[in-house]
Amino acid sequence: PHGTWPLFHSAGITLVIVLLVLIVSLVMPKTYESESVIQLAKIGEQEVYSGAEALNIIKSSIVLQDIVKENYPDKSLKGFVENNLDVSVVSERTLPNKPEAISYISINIKAEKADKAKKLNEAVIQSFFAYVNINYNSKLNLLNQQLIDTSQAMQDIESQISSLQNSQLNDESMSKIILLRTLLYDY
């Protein structure tokens, strides 16, 4: 009789713990997550935004304000970022002989329903892309304009070299023109 008491006591404690866990799991609201990984844009070898800049943009009111207002009207932007959004930079090396790292951003959204988590994740990505595309296109247009200007400058120099070649020049001037033309083509 005295030896069975600890056995019943342990079984009783285990049963109480299992019941508490069951009750808590049934009472606690379920949370669903949706995760996406996006690659940051590059122009040539340079990223349009660094990983840290992209994190700040994604967490900013520029990207999130309308999403939070529409889906959580009673929640602040800060509350949404703290409770529903997890953003991190993921870097991956490409080739051993090319140590350049490609930055990826991981976006994880938590919501009370699976379809809402997915919808919010997609909305954050679309809003982020809409914002960064403006800067991307601006930088791309600037680079295109610089290429046009450089091409025009090269054509002007080529034209000047041709006109100099057609005039009477001594041997030293001719060798300078040939050197200039060679450098221009190498450029």
Protein backbone atom coordinates (compact mmCIF):
# COMPACT_ATOMS: atom_id res chain seq x y z
CA PRO A 1 0.00 0.00 0.00
CA HIS A 2 2.79 2.41 0.89
CA GLY A 3 4.83 1.69 -2.32
CA THR A 4 2.02 2.40 -4.78
CA TRP A 5 1.43 5.95 -3.57
CA PRO A 6 4.43 7.51 -5.48
CA LEU A 7 3.32 5.69 -8.64
CA PHE A 8 -0.21 7.15 -8.44
CA HIS A 9 1.24 10.52 -7.48
CA SER A 10 3.57 10.57 -10.58
CA ALA A 11 0.77 9.41 -12.86
CA GLY A 12 -1.51 12.11 -11.46
CA ILE A 13 1.08 14.86 -12.01
CA THR A 14 1.73 13.62 -15.57
CA LEU A 15 -2.01 13.57 -16.29
CA VAL A 16 -2.43 17.13 -14.96
CA ILE A 17 0.50 18.37 -17.11
CA VAL A 18 -0.88 16.67 -20.24
CA LEU A 19 -4.32 18.18 -19.60
CA LEU A 20 -2.83 21.65 -19.09
CA VAL A 21 -0.83 21.41 -22.32
CA LEU A 22 -3.92 20.22 -24.18
CA ILE A 23 -6.06 23.06 -22.80
CA VAL A 24 -3.40 25.68 -23.59
CA SER A 25 -2.95 24.36 -27.14
CA LEU A 26 -6.70 24.51 -27.74
CA VAL A 27 -7.10 27.99 -26.24
CA MET A 28 -4.02 29.60 -27.85
CA PRO A 29 -4.72 31.08 -31.27
CA LYS A 30 -3.02 29.30 -34.16
CA THR A 31 -0.36 31.17 -36.09
CA TYR A 32 0.49 30.47 -39.72
CA GLU A 33 3.63 31.63 -41.52
CA SER A 34 4.44 32.41 -45.13
CA GLU A 35 8.07 32.83 -46.16
CA SER A 36 9.59 34.20 -49.36
CA VAL A 37 13.17 34.75 -50.42
CA ILE A 38 13.94 37.45 -52.98
CA GLN A 39 17.20 38.41 -54.68
CA LEU A 40 18.31 42.01 -54.58
CA ALA A 41 18.69 43.69 -57.96
CA LYS A 42 22.08 44.53 -59.40
CA ILE A 43 23.25 46.87 -62.10
CA GLY A 44 26.50 45.44 -63.37
CA GLU A 45 28.37 44.24 -60.30
CA GLN A 46 26.76 46.70 -57.87
CA GLU A 47 23.59 46.10 -55.90
CA VAL A 48 20.94 48.79 -56.23
CA TYR A 49 20.36 48.46 -52.48
CA SER A 50 22.52 46.74 -49.89
CA GLY A 51 20.96 44.08 -47.69
CA ALA A 52 20.76 46.48 -44.75
CA GLU A 53 19.10 49.17 -46.90
CA ALA A 54 16.57 46.64 -48.21
CA LEU A 55 15.72 45.53 -44.65
CA ASN A 56 15.06 49.13 -43.62
CA ILE A 57 12.92 49.76 -46.69
CA ILE A 58 10.81 46.62 -46.15
CA LYS A 59 10.19 47.56 -42.50
CA SER A 60 9.40 51.17 -43.39
CA SER A 61 6.02 52.86 -43.52
CA ILE A 62 6.55 53.41 -47.27
CA VAL A 63 6.17 49.68 -47.84
CA LEU A 64 3.97 48.60 -44.92
CA GLN A 65 1.59 51.47 -44.07
CA ASP A 66 -1.22 50.59 -46.49
CA ILE A 67 -0.86 46.84 -45.83
CA VAL A 68 -1.18 47.31 -42.07
CA LYS A 69 -4.09 49.76 -42.37
CA GLU A 70 -6.01 47.41 -44.64
CA ASN A 71 -5.40 44.17 -42.73
CA TYR A 72 -4.87 45.27 -39.11
CA PRO A 73 -6.61 48.64 -38.65
CA ASP A 74 -6.23 48.45 -34.85
CA LYS A 75 -2.52 47.58 -34.95
CA SER A 76 0.34 50.05 -35.18
CA LEU A 77 3.09 49.74 -37.77
CA LYS A 78 5.58 49.01 -34.98
CA GLY A 79 3.29 46.31 -33.55
CA PHE A 80 2.97 44.67 -36.96
CA VAL A 81 6.74 44.67 -37.51
CA GLU A 82 7.37 43.22 -34.03
CA ASN A 83 4.65 40.55 -34.07
CA ASN A 84 3.97 39.65 -37.69
CA LEU A 85 7.10 40.37 -39.74
CA ASP A 86 10.55 38.81 -39.70
CA VAL A 87 13.01 40.03 -42.32
CA SER A 88 16.63 38.95 -42.64
CA VAL A 89 19.51 39.10 -45.12
CA VAL A 90 20.71 35.82 -46.56
CA SER A 91 23.98 35.85 -48.51
CA GLU A 92 25.12 33.10 -50.81
CA ARG A 93 28.48 32.81 -52.53
CA THR A 94 28.40 32.12 -56.23
CA LEU A 95 31.70 30.54 -57.34
CA PRO A 96 34.94 29.82 -55.46
CA ASN A 97 36.97 31.88 -57.96
CA LYS A 98 34.48 34.75 -57.71
CA PRO A 99 34.04 35.68 -54.03
CA GLU A 100 31.24 38.14 -54.74
CA ALA A 101 28.25 37.48 -52.50
CA ILE A 102 24.72 37.69 -53.84
CA SER A 103 22.30 39.08 -51.28
CA TYR A 104 18.89 37.60 -50.77
CA ILE A 105 16.20 38.86 -48.39
CA SER A 106 14.04 36.42 -46.45
CA ILE A 107 10.56 37.75 -45.62
CA ASN A 108 8.49 35.79 -43.11
CA ILE A 109 4.92 36.87 -42.32
CA LYS A 110 2.84 35.49 -39.43
CA ALA A 111 -0.96 35.64 -39.45
CA GLU A 112 -3.96 33.91 -37.91
CA LYS A 113 -4.91 32.20 -41.19
CA ALA A 114 -2.68 30.52 -43.79
CA ASP A 115 -4.21 32.36 -46.75
CA LYS A 116 -3.87 35.70 -44.96
CA ALA A 117 -0.18 35.04 -44.23
CA LYS A 118 0.37 34.27 -47.93
CA LYS A 119 -1.62 37.34 -49.04
CA LEU A 120 0.34 39.62 -46.67
CA ASN A 121 3.66 38.17 -47.80
CA GLU A 122 2.79 38.82 -51.44
CA ALA A 123 1.61 42.35 -50.62
CA VAL A 124 4.87 43.18 -48.81
CA ILE A 125 6.93 41.92 -51.77
CA GLN A 126 4.82 43.83 -54.31
CA SER A 127 5.01 47.03 -52.28
CA PHE A 128 8.80 46.65 -51.86
CA PHE A 129 9.30 46.04 -55.59
CA ALA A 130 7.09 49.01 -56.50
CA TYR A 131 9.25 51.27 -54.34
CA VAL A 132 12.67 49.95 -55.40
CA ASN A 133 11.79 49.84 -59.11
CA ILE A 134 11.62 53.64 -59.13
CA ASN A 135 15.23 53.89 -57.93
CA TYR A 136 16.36 50.98 -60.11
CA ASN A 137 14.93 52.59 -63.26
CA SER A 138 16.43 55.94 -62.30
CA LYS A 139 19.91 54.43 -61.91
CA LEU A 140 19.51 52.45 -65.11
CA ASN A 141 18.49 55.59 -67.04
CA LEU A 142 21.49 57.45 -65.61
CA LEU A 143 23.85 54.66 -66.72
CA ASN A 144 22.26 54.56 -70.17
CA GLN A 145 22.71 58.32 -70.50
CA GLN A 146 26.37 58.00 -69.45
CA LEU A 147 26.86 55.30 -72.11
CA ILE A 148 25.28 57.53 -74.76
CA ASP A 149 27.47 60.47 -73.69
CA THR A 150 30.63 58.31 -73.72
CA SER A 151 29.75 56.88 -77.12
CA GLN A 152 29.20 60.38 -78.49
CA ALA A 153 32.52 61.58 -77.02
CA MET A 154 34.31 58.61 -78.62
CA GLN A 155 32.71 59.39 -82.00
CA ASP A 156 33.79 63.04 -81.68
CA ILE A 157 37.37 62.02 -80.93
CA GLU A 158 37.34 59.53 -83.81
CA SER A 159 36.09 62.28 -86.11
CA GLN A 160 38.86 64.63 -84.94
CA ILE A 161 41.49 61.93 -85.49
CA SER A 162 40.19 61.29 -89.00
CA SER A 163 40.27 64.97 -89.89
CA LEU A 164 43.82 65.26 -88.53
CA GLN A 165 44.92 62.26 -90.58
CA ASN A 166 43.66 63.87 -93.75
CA SER A 167 45.74 67.00 -93.19
CA GLN A 168 49.49 67.25 -93.69
CA LEU A 169 51.20 65.89 -90.55
CA ASN A 170 54.74 65.01 -89.71
CA ASP A 171 55.77 61.51 -88.58
CA GLU A 172 55.61 62.36 -84.85
CA SER A 173 52.05 63.65 -85.13
CA MET A 174 51.04 60.60 -87.16
CA SER A 175 52.42 58.20 -84.51
CA LYS A 176 50.49 60.10 -81.80
CA ILE A 177 47.30 59.75 -83.84
CA ILE A 178 47.86 56.02 -84.29
CA LEU A 179 48.50 55.65 -80.55
CA LEU A 180 45.36 57.65 -79.75
CA ARG A 181 43.25 55.58 -82.13
CA THR A 182 44.58 52.34 -80.59
CA LEU A 183 43.79 53.57 -77.08
CA LEU A 184 40.34 54.65 -78.18
CA TYR A 185 39.54 51.21 -79.60
CA ASP A 186 40.85 49.54 -76.44
CA TYR A 187 38.59 51.76 -74.36
